[in-house]
């Protein structure tokens, strides 16, 4: 299904997500639920771009 798609993973914040979308990127990945101390983007915030 995703043979001709590119996903950009590891997007850290809303500004970076918007920049990628302005460049035509349609599939972005946010690092959610990882065992890190500093959360860059909440699951709610990341879900706004789906």
Protein backbone atom coordinates (compact mmCIF):
# COMPACT_ATOMS: atom_id res chain seq x y z
CA UNK A 1 0.00 0.00 0.00
CA UNK A 2 2.76 2.45 0.85
CA UNK A 3 5.08 1.47 -1.98
CA UNK A 4 5.45 4.98 -3.37
CA UNK A 5 5.26 6.98 -0.15
CA UNK A 6 7.89 8.62 1.99
CA UNK A 7 7.30 9.24 5.68
CA UNK A 8 9.35 11.80 7.60
CA UNK A 9 9.74 10.44 11.12
CA UNK A 10 10.95 12.04 14.33
CA UNK A 11 9.19 15.40 13.89
CA UNK A 12 9.70 17.23 17.18
CA UNK A 13 7.30 20.16 17.19
CA UNK A 14 4.46 21.99 15.48
CA UNK A 15 6.76 24.38 13.59
CA UNK A 16 8.68 21.50 12.04
CA UNK A 17 5.43 19.72 11.12
CA UNK A 18 4.04 22.83 9.43
CA UNK A 19 7.29 23.36 7.51
CA UNK A 20 7.19 19.79 6.22
CA UNK A 21 3.53 20.11 5.21
CA UNK A 22 4.32 23.35 3.34
CA UNK A 23 6.99 21.39 1.44
CA UNK A 24 4.37 18.85 0.36
CA UNK A 25 5.09 16.08 2.86
CA UNK A 26 1.89 14.18 3.64
CA UNK A 27 3.11 11.50 6.04
CA UNK A 28 4.93 12.61 9.16
CA UNK A 29 5.76 10.69 12.32
CA UNK A 30 5.92 12.00 15.85
CA UNK A 31 7.91 10.16 18.55
CA UNK A 32 5.03 9.60 21.00
CA UNK A 33 5.12 7.53 24.14
CA UNK A 34 8.87 7.04 24.20
CA UNK A 35 10.62 6.87 27.57
CA UNK A 36 12.17 10.33 27.35
CA UNK A 37 12.25 13.01 29.99
CA UNK A 38 11.50 16.02 27.80
CA UNK A 39 8.30 15.63 25.81
CA UNK A 40 8.40 17.84 22.69
CA UNK A 41 4.85 17.24 21.51
CA UNK A 42 1.86 15.67 23.25
CA UNK A 43 -0.14 12.88 21.64
CA UNK A 44 -3.04 15.34 21.30
CA UNK A 45 -0.87 17.91 19.51
CA UNK A 46 0.57 15.28 17.17
CA UNK A 47 -2.90 13.97 16.36
CA UNK A 48 -4.03 17.38 15.09
CA UNK A 49 -2.08 16.78 11.84
CA UNK A 50 -3.62 13.43 10.96
